[in-house]
């Protein structure tokens, strides 16, 4: 979307993406998202220090 209409895209924001996952992959997707959140929070914490 950033290349199509960059004036309409905001970094982050409220609910910036919607991910659709097959029910058979749901548990694995949740684990992946939780690990990404953990890494993101760790990165934000290291910026403060």
C-alpha atoms as a PDB file:
ATOM      1  CA  UNK A   1       0.000   0.000   0.000  1.00  0.00           C
ATOM      2  CA  UNK A   2       2.904   2.338   0.717  1.00  0.00           C
ATOM      3  CA  UNK A   3       3.906   2.266  -2.944  1.00  0.00           C
ATOM      4  CA  UNK A   4       0.383   2.655  -4.273  1.00  0.00           C
ATOM      5  CA  UNK A   5      -0.759   5.518  -2.033  1.00  0.00           C
ATOM      6  CA  UNK A   6       1.988   6.541   0.430  1.00  0.00           C
ATOM      7  CA  UNK A   7      -0.014   9.547   1.620  1.00  0.00           C
ATOM      8  CA  UNK A   8      -2.665   7.156   2.986  1.00  0.00           C
ATOM      9  CA  UNK A   9      -0.321   4.884   4.953  1.00  0.00           C
ATOM     10  CA  UNK A  10       0.695   5.487   8.548  1.00  0.00           C
ATOM     11  CA  UNK A  11       3.417   3.546  10.352  1.00  0.00           C
ATOM     12  CA  UNK A  12       1.778   1.533  13.111  1.00  0.00           C
ATOM     13  CA  UNK A  13      -1.527   2.986  14.141  1.00  0.00           C
ATOM     14  CA  UNK A  14      -4.628   1.211  15.398  1.00  0.00           C
ATOM     15  CA  UNK A  15      -5.150  -2.263  13.896  1.00  0.00           C
ATOM     16  CA  UNK A  16      -2.744  -1.698  10.982  1.00  0.00           C
ATOM     17  CA  UNK A  17      -3.102  -5.224   9.552  1.00  0.00           C
ATOM     18  CA  UNK A  18      -5.554  -8.072   9.464  1.00  0.00           C
ATOM     19  CA  UNK A  19      -4.138 -11.587   9.253  1.00  0.00           C
ATOM     20  CA  UNK A  20      -6.278 -14.484   8.092  1.00  0.00           C
ATOM     21  CA  UNK A  21      -5.004 -17.895   9.193  1.00  0.00           C
ATOM     22  CA  UNK A  22      -6.333 -21.349   8.462  1.00  0.00           C
ATOM     23  CA  UNK A  23      -7.816 -23.019  11.525  1.00  0.00           C
ATOM     24  CA  UNK A  24      -5.333 -25.867  11.125  1.00  0.00           C
ATOM     25  CA  UNK A  25      -2.442 -23.365  11.493  1.00  0.00           C
ATOM     26  CA  UNK A  26      -4.028 -21.266  14.251  1.00  0.00           C
ATOM     27  CA  UNK A  27      -1.903 -22.481  17.196  1.00  0.00           C
ATOM     28  CA  UNK A  28       1.352 -22.065  15.251  1.00  0.00           C
ATOM     29  CA  UNK A  29       0.295 -18.574  14.107  1.00  0.00           C
ATOM     30  CA  UNK A  30      -0.459 -17.496  17.686  1.00  0.00           C
ATOM     31  CA  UNK A  31       2.978 -18.709  18.832  1.00  0.00           C
ATOM     32  CA  UNK A  32       4.629 -16.791  15.981  1.00  0.00           C
ATOM     33  CA  UNK A  33       2.765 -13.577  16.790  1.00  0.00           C
ATOM     34  CA  UNK A  34       3.582 -13.909  20.502  1.00  0.00           C
ATOM     35  CA  UNK A  35       7.281 -14.351  19.705  1.00  0.00           C
ATOM     36  CA  UNK A  36       7.218 -11.304  17.414  1.00  0.00           C
ATOM     37  CA  UNK A  37       5.586  -9.234  20.151  1.00  0.00           C
ATOM     38  CA  UNK A  38       8.244 -10.417  22.618  1.00  0.00           C
ATOM     39  CA  UNK A  39      11.045  -9.383  20.241  1.00  0.00           C
ATOM     40  CA  UNK A  40       9.377  -6.035  19.573  1.00  0.00           C
ATOM     41  CA  UNK A  41       9.011  -5.301  23.298  1.00  0.00           C
ATOM     42  CA  UNK A  42      12.643  -6.321  23.886  1.00  0.00           C
ATOM     43  CA  UNK A  43      13.759  -3.949  21.116  1.00  0.00           C
ATOM     44  CA  UNK A  44      11.699  -1.086  22.577  1.00  0.00           C
ATOM     45  CA  UNK A  45      13.150  -1.782  26.027  1.00  0.00           C
ATOM     46  CA  UNK A  46      16.733  -1.705  24.686  1.00  0.00           C
ATOM     47  CA  UNK A  47      16.051   1.688  23.029  1.00  0.00           C
ATOM     48  CA  UNK A  48      15.247   3.209  26.439  1.00  0.00           C
ATOM     49  CA  UNK A  49      18.466   2.007  28.051  1.00  0.00           C
END
